[in-house]
């Protein structure tokens, strides 16, 4: 094999590796954007529900349906709940909407309520070598903090108390459960949603 041929093959191999790394980076960025988007939708829906705005609640429900996000096991399907509530408030469904959710893949969300000065903890497994993404969406007026600890007891991330969305992204080395803890340091109960991707 000639020297020029070896250089050309190495260049192609480097280009393929570069494209592979770029594509995997793009996928991780898209997943992170999807979780943030679902978090924004949940925040808008909760705010619309709190102020009794049926049209805004319906818009949030339809956006959540299009996102592909599904409720975690045992949680209510917010698309159905919000559509029902929006219709009760006088909003009308568009003629092209269909309620079937199917078996769509995507992020999951879980609702929670934390007592005053309390905490909520759940253990969730994330695939090793792939981006893990968690977002906590506090209900309007709630300030919460977030902490994630891996299966060996090492802190993955900690986010200080805020009434804004709280996020954490990391790449687990192995497929294993992590403990996700949401803390309410206020003197009144707080509702929230946990988005996991």
N, C-alpha and C. Protein backbone atom coordinates (compact mmCIF):
# COMPACT_ATOMS: atom_id res chain seq x y z
N UNK A 1 0.86 -1.17 0.00
CA UNK A 1 0.00 0.00 0.00
C UNK A 1 0.91 1.24 0.00
N UNK A 2 0.57 2.20 -0.85
CA UNK A 2 1.39 3.41 -0.97
C UNK A 2 1.14 4.33 0.22
N UNK A 3 2.10 5.22 0.43
CA UNK A 3 1.99 6.20 1.53
C UNK A 3 0.77 7.09 1.33
N UNK A 4 0.52 7.53 0.12
CA UNK A 4 -0.65 8.39 -0.17
C UNK A 4 -1.95 7.67 0.13
N UNK A 5 -2.00 6.36 -0.17
CA UNK A 5 -3.20 5.56 0.09
C UNK A 5 -3.46 5.44 1.59
N UNK A 6 -2.36 5.23 2.38
CA UNK A 6 -2.51 5.13 3.85
C UNK A 6 -3.00 6.45 4.43
N UNK A 7 -2.45 7.56 3.98
CA UNK A 7 -2.88 8.89 4.46
C UNK A 7 -4.34 9.12 4.12
N UNK A 8 -4.73 8.74 2.89
CA UNK A 8 -6.12 8.94 2.46
C UNK A 8 -7.06 8.11 3.35
N UNK A 9 -6.70 6.84 3.65
CA UNK A 9 -7.54 5.98 4.49
C UNK A 9 -7.65 6.52 5.91
N UNK A 10 -6.52 7.02 6.45
CA UNK A 10 -6.55 7.61 7.80
C UNK A 10 -7.46 8.83 7.82
N UNK A 11 -7.39 9.63 6.78
CA UNK A 11 -8.25 10.83 6.69
C UNK A 11 -9.72 10.47 6.67
N UNK A 12 -10.06 9.42 5.89
CA UNK A 12 -11.46 8.95 5.84
C UNK A 12 -11.89 8.43 7.21
N UNK A 13 -11.03 7.65 7.86
CA UNK A 13 -11.35 7.10 9.19
C UNK A 13 -11.57 8.23 10.19
N UNK A 14 -10.74 9.27 10.15
CA UNK A 14 -10.89 10.41 11.06
C UNK A 14 -12.19 11.15 10.77
N UNK A 15 -12.53 11.28 9.47
CA UNK A 15 -13.77 11.96 9.10
C UNK A 15 -14.98 11.18 9.60
N UNK A 16 -14.96 9.83 9.43
CA UNK A 16 -16.06 8.99 9.90
C UNK A 16 -16.20 9.11 11.41
N UNK A 17 -15.07 9.05 12.15
CA UNK A 17 -15.10 9.19 13.60
C UNK A 17 -15.64 10.55 14.00
N UNK A 18 -15.21 11.60 13.31
CA UNK A 18 -15.68 12.95 13.60
C UNK A 18 -17.18 13.07 13.38
N UNK A 19 -17.67 12.50 12.27
CA UNK A 19 -19.11 12.55 11.99
C UNK A 19 -19.90 11.78 13.03
N UNK A 20 -19.35 10.61 13.44
CA UNK A 20 -20.02 9.81 14.47
C UNK A 20 -20.11 10.58 15.78
N UNK A 21 -19.01 11.20 16.19
CA UNK A 21 -19.01 11.97 17.44
C UNK A 21 -19.95 13.16 17.34
N UNK A 22 -19.98 13.84 16.20
CA UNK A 22 -20.87 14.98 16.02
C UNK A 22 -22.32 14.55 16.07
N UNK A 23 -22.63 13.42 15.43
CA UNK A 23 -24.01 12.95 15.42
C UNK A 23 -24.46 12.56 16.82
N UNK A 24 -23.57 11.89 17.60
CA UNK A 24 -23.97 11.52 18.96
C UNK A 24 -24.12 12.75 19.83
N UNK A 25 -23.30 13.76 19.62
CA UNK A 25 -23.43 15.01 20.36
C UNK A 25 -24.72 15.72 20.02
N UNK A 26 -25.10 15.67 18.74
CA UNK A 26 -26.34 16.30 18.31
C UNK A 26 -27.53 15.60 18.97
N UNK A 27 -27.49 14.27 19.03
CA UNK A 27 -28.58 13.53 19.65
C UNK A 27 -28.72 13.90 21.13
N UNK A 28 -27.62 13.99 21.85
CA UNK A 28 -27.66 14.37 23.26
C UNK A 28 -28.22 15.78 23.42
N UNK A 29 -27.82 16.69 22.54
CA UNK A 29 -28.34 18.06 22.60
C UNK A 29 -29.83 18.08 22.30
N UNK A 30 -30.26 17.28 21.32
CA UNK A 30 -31.69 17.22 21.01
C UNK A 30 -32.48 16.66 22.18
N UNK A 31 -31.97 15.61 22.84
CA UNK A 31 -32.65 15.04 24.01
C UNK A 31 -32.76 16.08 25.12
N UNK A 32 -31.68 16.83 25.36
CA UNK A 32 -31.69 17.86 26.40
C UNK A 32 -32.71 18.93 26.06
N UNK A 33 -32.76 19.33 24.77
CA UNK A 33 -33.73 20.34 24.34
C UNK A 33 -35.15 19.83 24.53
N UNK A 34 -35.38 18.53 24.26
CA UNK A 34 -36.71 17.96 24.41
C UNK A 34 -37.16 17.99 25.87
N UNK A 35 -36.27 17.64 26.79
CA UNK A 35 -36.62 17.69 28.21
C UNK A 35 -36.92 19.11 28.66
N UNK A 36 -36.11 20.06 28.21
CA UNK A 36 -36.34 21.46 28.56
C UNK A 36 -37.67 21.92 27.98
N UNK A 37 -37.97 21.50 26.76
CA UNK A 37 -39.23 21.87 26.12
C UNK A 37 -40.42 21.31 26.89
N UNK A 38 -40.34 20.04 27.30
CA UNK A 38 -41.43 19.43 28.08
C UNK A 38 -41.57 20.17 29.40
N UNK A 39 -40.45 20.54 30.01
CA UNK A 39 -40.49 21.31 31.25
C UNK A 39 -41.19 22.64 31.07
N UNK A 40 -40.90 23.34 29.97
CA UNK A 40 -41.57 24.61 29.68
C UNK A 40 -43.07 24.41 29.47
N UNK A 41 -43.43 23.36 28.76
CA UNK A 41 -44.85 23.05 28.52
C UNK A 41 -45.57 22.80 29.85
N UNK A 42 -44.95 22.02 30.73
CA UNK A 42 -45.56 21.73 32.03
C UNK A 42 -45.73 23.01 32.84
N UNK A 43 -44.71 23.87 32.83
CA UNK A 43 -44.79 25.14 33.56
C UNK A 43 -45.95 26.00 33.02
N UNK A 44 -46.05 26.11 31.69
CA UNK A 44 -47.12 26.91 31.08
C UNK A 44 -48.50 26.32 31.39
N UNK A 45 -48.60 24.98 31.35
CA UNK A 45 -49.87 24.34 31.65
C UNK A 45 -50.29 24.55 33.10
N UNK A 46 -49.34 24.42 34.01
CA UNK A 46 -49.65 24.64 35.44
C UNK A 46 -50.09 26.08 35.69
N UNK A 47 -49.41 27.02 35.05
CA UNK A 47 -49.77 28.43 35.22
C UNK A 47 -51.16 28.70 34.64
N UNK A 48 -51.46 28.13 33.47
CA UNK A 48 -52.77 28.31 32.85
C UNK A 48 -53.87 27.71 33.71
N UNK A 49 -53.59 26.55 34.28
CA UNK A 49 -54.55 25.89 35.16
C UNK A 49 -54.81 26.73 36.40
N UNK A 50 -53.75 27.29 36.97
CA UNK A 50 -53.88 28.10 38.19
C UNK A 50 -54.70 29.36 37.96
N UNK A 51 -54.57 29.97 36.78
CA UNK A 51 -55.32 31.21 36.52
C UNK A 51 -56.65 30.98 35.79
N UNK A 52 -56.99 29.68 35.52
CA UNK A 52 -58.27 29.36 34.91
C UNK A 52 -58.37 29.73 33.44
N UNK A 53 -57.25 29.70 32.72
CA UNK A 53 -57.20 30.08 31.30
C UNK A 53 -57.32 28.82 30.44
N UNK A 54 -58.55 28.51 30.01
CA UNK A 54 -58.82 27.29 29.26
C UNK A 54 -58.09 27.21 27.93
N UNK A 55 -58.02 28.32 27.20
CA UNK A 55 -57.34 28.31 25.89
C UNK A 55 -55.85 28.02 26.06
N UNK A 56 -55.20 28.66 27.02
CA UNK A 56 -53.77 28.43 27.25
C UNK A 56 -53.54 27.00 27.75
N UNK A 57 -54.46 26.48 28.57
CA UNK A 57 -54.34 25.11 29.07
C UNK A 57 -54.47 24.12 27.92
N UNK A 58 -55.40 24.37 27.00
CA UNK A 58 -55.57 23.51 25.84
C UNK A 58 -54.31 23.55 24.95
N UNK A 59 -53.75 24.72 24.77
CA UNK A 59 -52.53 24.86 23.98
C UNK A 59 -51.40 24.05 24.61
N UNK A 60 -51.27 24.11 25.92
CA UNK A 60 -50.24 23.33 26.63
C UNK A 60 -50.50 21.83 26.49
N UNK A 61 -51.76 21.41 26.59
CA UNK A 61 -52.10 19.99 26.46
C UNK A 61 -51.74 19.46 25.08
N UNK A 62 -52.04 20.22 24.05
CA UNK A 62 -51.74 19.79 22.68
C UNK A 62 -50.23 19.77 22.44
N UNK A 63 -49.52 20.74 23.01
CA UNK A 63 -48.06 20.76 22.87
C UNK A 63 -47.44 19.55 23.57
N UNK A 64 -47.97 19.20 24.74
CA UNK A 64 -47.48 18.03 25.48
C UNK A 64 -47.76 16.75 24.68
N UNK A 65 -48.92 16.66 24.05
CA UNK A 65 -49.25 15.49 23.23
C UNK A 65 -48.28 15.37 22.05
N UNK A 66 -47.97 16.49 21.40
CA UNK A 66 -47.05 16.48 20.25
C UNK A 66 -45.61 16.15 20.67
N UNK A 67 -45.25 16.44 21.92
CA UNK A 67 -43.87 16.20 22.37
C UNK A 67 -43.54 14.72 22.49
N UNK A 68 -44.56 13.89 22.66
CA UNK A 68 -44.33 12.46 22.84
C UNK A 68 -44.07 12.08 24.29
N UNK A 69 -44.03 13.05 25.20
CA UNK A 69 -43.80 12.75 26.62
C UNK A 69 -45.00 11.98 27.16
N UNK A 70 -44.71 11.07 28.06
CA UNK A 70 -45.78 10.26 28.63
C UNK A 70 -45.67 10.28 30.15
N UNK A 71 -46.76 10.02 30.84
CA UNK A 71 -46.68 10.00 32.30
C UNK A 71 -45.92 8.76 32.77
N UNK A 72 -45.23 8.90 33.87
CA UNK A 72 -44.55 7.77 34.49
C UNK A 72 -45.63 6.84 35.04
N UNK A 73 -45.29 5.60 35.29
CA UNK A 73 -46.25 4.62 35.79
C UNK A 73 -47.00 5.14 37.01
N UNK A 74 -48.33 5.07 36.94
CA UNK A 74 -49.16 5.48 38.06
C UNK A 74 -49.55 6.96 38.07
N UNK A 75 -48.93 7.77 37.20
CA UNK A 75 -49.27 9.19 37.14
C UNK A 75 -50.41 9.42 36.15
N UNK A 76 -51.19 10.45 36.40
CA UNK A 76 -52.28 10.81 35.49
C UNK A 76 -51.71 11.33 34.17
N UNK A 77 -52.40 11.06 33.08
CA UNK A 77 -52.00 11.57 31.77
C UNK A 77 -52.46 13.02 31.68
N UNK A 78 -51.52 13.95 31.79
CA UNK A 78 -51.87 15.37 31.80
C UNK A 78 -52.54 15.83 30.52
N UNK A 79 -52.24 15.19 29.39
CA UNK A 79 -52.91 15.58 28.15
C UNK A 79 -54.41 15.44 28.32
N UNK A 80 -54.83 14.29 28.80
CA UNK A 80 -56.28 14.05 28.99
C UNK A 80 -56.87 14.94 30.09
N UNK A 81 -56.15 15.06 31.19
CA UNK A 81 -56.64 15.88 32.31
C UNK A 81 -56.76 17.34 31.87
N UNK A 82 -55.73 17.87 31.21
CA UNK A 82 -55.75 19.27 30.81
C UNK A 82 -56.79 19.54 29.73
N UNK A 83 -56.98 18.59 28.81
CA UNK A 83 -58.02 18.79 27.78
C UNK A 83 -59.39 18.82 28.44
N UNK A 84 -59.64 17.89 29.35
CA UNK A 84 -60.93 17.88 30.06
C UNK A 84 -61.15 19.18 30.83
N UNK A 85 -60.11 19.63 31.56
CA UNK A 85 -60.22 20.88 32.33
C UNK A 85 -60.40 22.08 31.40
N UNK A 86 -59.67 22.09 30.29
CA UNK A 86 -59.77 23.21 29.33
C UNK A 86 -61.18 23.27 28.74
N UNK A 87 -61.75 22.11 28.42
CA UNK A 87 -63.11 22.08 27.89
C UNK A 87 -64.11 22.55 28.94
N UNK A 88 -63.89 22.19 30.19
CA UNK A 88 -64.74 22.65 31.28
C UNK A 88 -64.69 24.17 31.40
N UNK A 89 -63.52 24.75 31.09
CA UNK A 89 -63.33 26.20 31.12
C UNK A 89 -63.84 26.88 29.85
N UNK A 90 -64.35 26.08 28.89
CA UNK A 90 -64.94 26.66 27.68
C UNK A 90 -64.08 26.57 26.43
N UNK A 91 -62.91 26.00 26.50
CA UNK A 91 -62.04 25.88 25.32
C UNK A 91 -62.58 24.79 24.40
N UNK A 92 -62.40 24.97 23.09
CA UNK A 92 -62.87 24.01 22.08
C UNK A 92 -61.69 23.32 21.42
N UNK A 93 -61.77 21.98 21.31
CA UNK A 93 -60.73 21.21 20.64
C UNK A 93 -60.70 21.52 19.15
N UNK A 94 -59.50 21.59 18.55
CA UNK A 94 -59.44 21.75 17.09
C UNK A 94 -59.96 20.48 16.42
N UNK A 95 -60.50 20.59 15.20
CA UNK A 95 -61.10 19.44 14.52
C UNK A 95 -60.07 18.38 14.16
N UNK A 96 -58.81 18.76 14.02
CA UNK A 96 -57.78 17.80 13.60
C UNK A 96 -57.14 17.05 14.76
N UNK A 97 -57.53 17.33 15.98
CA UNK A 97 -56.91 16.67 17.13
C UNK A 97 -57.47 15.28 17.32
N UNK A 98 -56.58 14.33 17.64
CA UNK A 98 -57.03 13.00 18.04
C UNK A 98 -56.34 12.65 19.36
N UNK A 99 -57.05 11.96 20.22
CA UNK A 99 -56.58 11.75 21.59
C UNK A 99 -55.68 10.53 21.76
N UNK A 100 -55.52 9.69 20.73
CA UNK A 100 -54.70 8.50 20.88
C UNK A 100 -53.24 8.85 21.13
N UNK A 101 -52.65 8.29 22.18
CA UNK A 101 -51.26 8.57 22.51
C UNK A 101 -50.33 7.48 21.95
N UNK A 102 -50.83 6.26 21.79
CA UNK A 102 -50.01 5.20 21.25
C UNK A 102 -48.85 4.84 22.16
N UNK A 103 -47.86 4.14 21.61
CA UNK A 103 -46.68 3.72 22.36
C UNK A 103 -45.49 4.57 21.96
N UNK A 104 -45.59 5.86 22.18
CA UNK A 104 -44.53 6.77 21.78
C UNK A 104 -43.38 6.75 22.78
N UNK A 105 -42.15 6.78 22.25
CA UNK A 105 -40.97 6.87 23.13
C UNK A 105 -40.69 8.34 23.38
N UNK A 106 -40.00 8.61 24.42
CA UNK A 106 -39.65 9.99 24.74
C UNK A 106 -39.52 10.15 26.23
N UNK A 107 -39.39 11.38 26.66
CA UNK A 107 -39.22 11.61 28.09
C UNK A 107 -40.48 11.24 28.87
N UNK A 108 -40.27 10.93 30.14
CA UNK A 108 -41.40 10.65 31.03
C UNK A 108 -41.50 11.77 32.04
N UNK A 109 -42.69 12.00 32.55
CA UNK A 109 -42.86 12.99 33.61
C UNK A 109 -43.62 12.37 34.77
N UNK A 110 -43.37 12.88 35.94
CA UNK A 110 -43.99 12.37 37.17
C UNK A 110 -44.38 13.56 38.02
N UNK A 111 -45.59 13.55 38.54
CA UNK A 111 -46.03 14.64 39.41
C UNK A 111 -45.68 14.31 40.86
N UNK A 112 -45.56 15.34 41.65
CA UNK A 112 -45.28 15.13 43.06
C UNK A 112 -45.75 16.30 43.90
N UNK A 113 -45.93 16.04 45.19
CA UNK A 113 -46.29 17.09 46.14
C UNK A 113 -45.44 16.85 47.38
N UNK A 114 -44.79 17.92 47.83
CA UNK A 114 -43.90 17.81 48.99
C UNK A 114 -44.48 18.64 50.13
N UNK A 115 -44.54 18.06 51.30
CA UNK A 115 -45.02 18.78 52.48
C UNK A 115 -44.05 19.91 52.82
N UNK A 116 -44.52 20.84 53.63
CA UNK A 116 -43.66 21.94 54.10
C UNK A 116 -42.42 21.35 54.76
N UNK A 117 -41.26 21.90 54.44
CA UNK A 117 -39.97 21.43 54.97
C UNK A 117 -39.75 19.93 54.74
N UNK A 118 -40.28 19.43 53.63
CA UNK A 118 -40.17 18.01 53.33
C UNK A 118 -39.33 17.74 52.10
N UNK A 119 -39.26 16.46 51.75
CA UNK A 119 -38.53 16.09 50.55
C UNK A 119 -39.19 14.90 49.86
N UNK A 120 -38.92 14.79 48.58
CA UNK A 120 -39.41 13.70 47.74
C UNK A 120 -38.19 13.01 47.15
N UNK A 121 -38.11 11.67 47.27
CA UNK A 121 -36.99 10.93 46.70
C UNK A 121 -37.52 9.78 45.86
N UNK A 122 -36.92 9.60 44.70
CA UNK A 122 -37.24 8.47 43.83
C UNK A 122 -35.94 7.92 43.28
N UNK A 123 -35.94 6.63 42.98
CA UNK A 123 -34.76 6.01 42.36
C UNK A 123 -35.12 5.67 40.92
N UNK A 124 -34.30 6.11 39.99
CA UNK A 124 -34.53 5.86 38.57
C UNK A 124 -33.24 5.34 37.96
N UNK A 125 -33.37 4.39 37.04
CA UNK A 125 -32.19 3.84 36.35
C UNK A 125 -31.95 4.58 35.05
N UNK A 126 -30.68 4.84 34.76
CA UNK A 126 -30.28 5.51 33.52
C UNK A 126 -29.24 4.65 32.83
N UNK A 127 -29.27 4.64 31.51
CA UNK A 127 -28.36 3.80 30.71
C UNK A 127 -26.93 4.31 30.79
N UNK A 128 -26.00 3.42 31.05
CA UNK A 128 -24.59 3.78 31.09
C UNK A 128 -24.10 4.25 29.73
N UNK A 129 -23.26 5.27 29.74
CA UNK A 129 -22.68 5.79 28.52
C UNK A 129 -23.58 6.70 27.71
N UNK A 130 -24.79 6.96 28.20
CA UNK A 130 -25.73 7.83 27.49
C UNK A 130 -26.12 9.00 28.39
N UNK A 131 -26.41 10.14 27.76
CA UNK A 131 -26.78 11.33 28.50
C UNK A 131 -28.04 11.09 29.32
N UNK A 132 -27.97 11.37 30.61
CA UNK A 132 -29.14 11.34 31.49
C UNK A 132 -29.54 12.79 31.73
N UNK A 133 -30.82 13.05 31.74
CA UNK A 133 -31.31 14.42 31.82
C UNK A 133 -32.53 14.45 32.74
N UNK A 134 -32.47 15.29 33.76
CA UNK A 134 -33.57 15.44 34.72
C UNK A 134 -33.93 16.91 34.80
N UNK A 135 -35.22 17.19 34.86
CA UNK A 135 -35.69 18.56 35.00
C UNK A 135 -36.80 18.58 36.04
N UNK A 136 -36.71 19.46 37.02
CA UNK A 136 -37.78 19.64 38.01
C UNK A 136 -38.49 20.94 37.67
N UNK A 137 -39.81 20.87 37.55
CA UNK A 137 -40.64 22.02 37.21
C UNK A 137 -41.51 22.35 38.42
N UNK A 138 -41.13 23.37 39.20
CA UNK A 138 -41.96 23.73 40.36
C UNK A 138 -43.27 24.38 39.91
N UNK A 139 -44.34 24.13 40.67
CA UNK A 139 -45.60 24.82 40.41
C UNK A 139 -45.39 26.31 40.69
N UNK A 140 -46.21 27.17 40.09
CA UNK A 140 -46.05 28.61 40.33
C UNK A 140 -46.01 28.93 41.83
N UNK A 141 -45.01 29.69 42.24
CA UNK A 141 -44.88 30.12 43.62
C UNK A 141 -44.06 29.18 44.50
N UNK A 142 -43.70 28.01 43.98
CA UNK A 142 -42.92 27.05 44.78
C UNK A 142 -41.43 27.22 44.50
N UNK A 143 -40.61 27.11 45.52
CA UNK A 143 -39.15 27.14 45.37
C UNK A 143 -38.60 25.81 45.88
N UNK A 144 -37.92 25.09 45.01
CA UNK A 144 -37.43 23.76 45.35
C UNK A 144 -35.94 23.65 45.03
N UNK A 145 -35.28 22.65 45.62
CA UNK A 145 -33.89 22.35 45.27
C UNK A 145 -33.83 20.90 44.80
N UNK A 146 -32.74 20.56 44.10
CA UNK A 146 -32.59 19.24 43.49
C UNK A 146 -31.22 18.66 43.82
N UNK A 147 -31.18 17.37 44.09
CA UNK A 147 -29.91 16.67 44.33
C UNK A 147 -30.02 15.27 43.72
N UNK A 148 -28.97 14.87 43.00
CA UNK A 148 -28.92 13.54 42.40
C UNK A 148 -27.67 12.84 42.90
N UNK A 149 -27.84 11.59 43.37
CA UNK A 149 -26.74 10.78 43.89
C UNK A 149 -26.74 9.45 43.14
N UNK A 150 -25.56 9.01 42.68
CA UNK A 150 -25.49 7.75 41.94
C UNK A 150 -25.57 6.55 42.88
N UNK A 151 -25.51 5.34 42.29
CA UNK A 151 -25.69 4.12 43.08
C UNK A 151 -24.56 3.85 44.05
N UNK A 152 -23.43 4.55 43.92
CA UNK A 152 -22.31 4.40 44.85
C UNK A 152 -22.30 5.48 45.92
N UNK A 153 -23.31 6.34 45.92
CA UNK A 153 -23.42 7.39 46.93
C UNK A 153 -22.70 8.68 46.57
N UNK A 154 -22.17 8.78 45.35
CA UNK A 154 -21.49 10.00 44.92
C UNK A 154 -22.50 10.99 44.36
N UNK A 155 -22.34 12.26 44.73
CA UNK A 155 -23.24 13.30 44.23
C UNK A 155 -22.96 13.56 42.76
N UNK A 156 -24.01 13.47 41.94
CA UNK A 156 -23.91 13.74 40.51
C UNK A 156 -24.11 15.23 40.27
N UNK A 157 -25.09 15.80 40.95
CA UNK A 157 -25.33 17.23 40.85
C UNK A 157 -26.20 17.71 42.01
N UNK A 158 -26.13 19.01 42.25
CA UNK A 158 -26.97 19.65 43.26
C UNK A 158 -27.32 21.03 42.72
N UNK A 159 -28.61 21.38 42.78
CA UNK A 159 -29.07 22.67 42.30
C UNK A 159 -29.76 23.39 43.46
N UNK A 160 -29.33 24.61 43.74
CA UNK A 160 -29.87 25.40 44.85
C UNK A 160 -31.35 25.72 44.64
N UNK A 161 -32.01 26.05 45.72
CA UNK A 161 -33.44 26.34 45.72
C UNK A 161 -33.79 27.45 44.73
N UNK A 162 -34.84 27.20 43.94
CA UNK A 162 -35.29 28.16 42.94
C UNK A 162 -36.74 27.90 42.59
N UNK A 163 -37.42 28.94 42.12
CA UNK A 163 -38.79 28.77 41.63
C UNK A 163 -38.79 28.55 40.12
N UNK A 164 -37.60 28.59 39.51
CA UNK A 164 -37.45 28.30 38.08
C UNK A 164 -37.20 26.80 37.90
N UNK A 165 -37.21 26.34 36.65
CA UNK A 165 -36.92 24.94 36.38
C UNK A 165 -35.50 24.60 36.84
N UNK A 166 -35.34 23.43 37.44
CA UNK A 166 -34.05 22.96 37.94
C UNK A 166 -33.62 21.78 37.08
N UNK A 167 -32.42 21.83 36.52
CA UNK A 167 -31.98 20.76 35.63
C UNK A 167 -30.67 20.14 36.04
N UNK A 168 -30.49 18.90 35.61
CA UNK A 168 -29.25 18.16 35.87
C UNK A 168 -29.02 17.22 34.68
N UNK A 169 -27.79 17.27 34.13
CA UNK A 169 -27.41 16.38 33.03
C UNK A 169 -26.07 15.73 33.38
N UNK A 170 -25.96 14.44 33.09
CA UNK A 170 -24.70 13.73 33.30
C UNK A 170 -24.71 12.47 32.45
N UNK A 171 -23.56 11.84 32.33
CA UNK A 171 -23.43 10.57 31.62
C UNK A 171 -22.99 9.51 32.63
N UNK A 172 -23.90 8.60 33.02
CA UNK A 172 -23.53 7.55 33.97
C UNK A 172 -22.51 6.60 33.33
N UNK A 173 -21.57 6.13 34.11
CA UNK A 173 -20.57 5.20 33.61
C UNK A 173 -21.21 3.84 33.36
N UNK A 174 -22.06 3.39 34.29
CA UNK A 174 -22.73 2.10 34.19
C UNK A 174 -24.24 2.31 34.27
N UNK A 175 -24.99 1.34 33.75
CA UNK A 175 -26.44 1.37 33.90
C UNK A 175 -26.76 1.01 35.35
N UNK A 176 -27.32 1.97 36.07
CA UNK A 176 -27.60 1.77 37.49
C UNK A 176 -28.60 2.82 37.95
N UNK A 177 -29.29 2.56 39.07
CA UNK A 177 -30.24 3.55 39.58
C UNK A 177 -29.53 4.72 40.26
N UNK A 178 -30.13 5.88 40.14
CA UNK A 178 -29.66 7.07 40.85
C UNK A 178 -30.80 7.56 41.73
N UNK A 179 -30.45 8.14 42.87
CA UNK A 179 -31.45 8.70 43.79
C UNK A 179 -31.64 10.17 43.43
N UNK A 180 -32.88 10.54 43.14
CA UNK A 180 -33.23 11.92 42.80
C UNK A 180 -34.03 12.47 43.98
N UNK A 181 -33.55 13.54 44.57
CA UNK A 181 -34.23 14.13 45.73
C UNK A 181 -34.59 15.58 45.44
N UNK A 182 -35.86 15.89 45.64
CA UNK A 182 -36.36 17.26 45.49
C UNK A 182 -36.76 17.74 46.89
N UNK A 183 -36.24 18.90 47.30
CA UNK A 183 -36.46 19.40 48.66
C UNK A 183 -37.27 20.69 48.63
N UNK A 184 -38.24 20.76 49.53
CA UNK A 184 -39.06 21.95 49.73
C UNK A 184 -38.70 22.53 51.10
N UNK A 185 -37.97 23.64 51.10
CA UNK A 185 -37.55 24.24 52.38
C UNK A 185 -38.52 25.31 52.86
N UNK A 186 -39.65 25.47 52.18
CA UNK A 186 -40.61 26.51 52.57
C UNK A 186 -41.57 26.01 53.64
N UNK A 187 -42.41 26.91 54.13
CA UNK A 187 -43.36 26.58 55.20
C UNK A 187 -44.71 26.13 54.67
N UNK A 188 -44.82 25.95 53.34
CA UNK A 188 -46.09 25.47 52.78
C UNK A 188 -45.82 24.36 51.77
N UNK A 189 -46.79 23.46 51.56
CA UNK A 189 -46.61 22.36 50.61
C UNK A 189 -46.32 22.89 49.21
N UNK A 190 -45.63 22.10 48.39
CA UNK A 190 -45.29 22.51 47.03
C UNK A 190 -45.52 21.36 46.06
N UNK A 191 -46.11 21.69 44.92
CA UNK A 191 -46.31 20.70 43.85
C UNK A 191 -45.21 20.90 42.81
N UNK A 192 -44.92 19.83 42.07
CA UNK A 192 -43.90 19.91 41.04
C UNK A 192 -44.09 18.77 40.05
N UNK A 193 -43.37 18.86 38.94
CA UNK A 193 -43.25 17.76 37.97
C UNK A 193 -41.77 17.45 37.81
N UNK A 194 -41.50 16.17 37.66
CA UNK A 194 -40.14 15.69 37.41
C UNK A 194 -40.14 15.12 36.00
N UNK A 195 -39.28 15.69 35.12
CA UNK A 195 -39.16 15.22 33.74
C UNK A 195 -37.86 14.44 33.65
N UNK A 196 -37.93 13.21 33.13
CA UNK A 196 -36.74 12.35 33.03
C UNK A 196 -36.57 11.89 31.60
N UNK A 197 -35.34 11.98 31.10
CA UNK A 197 -35.08 11.56 29.74
C UNK A 197 -33.82 10.73 29.70
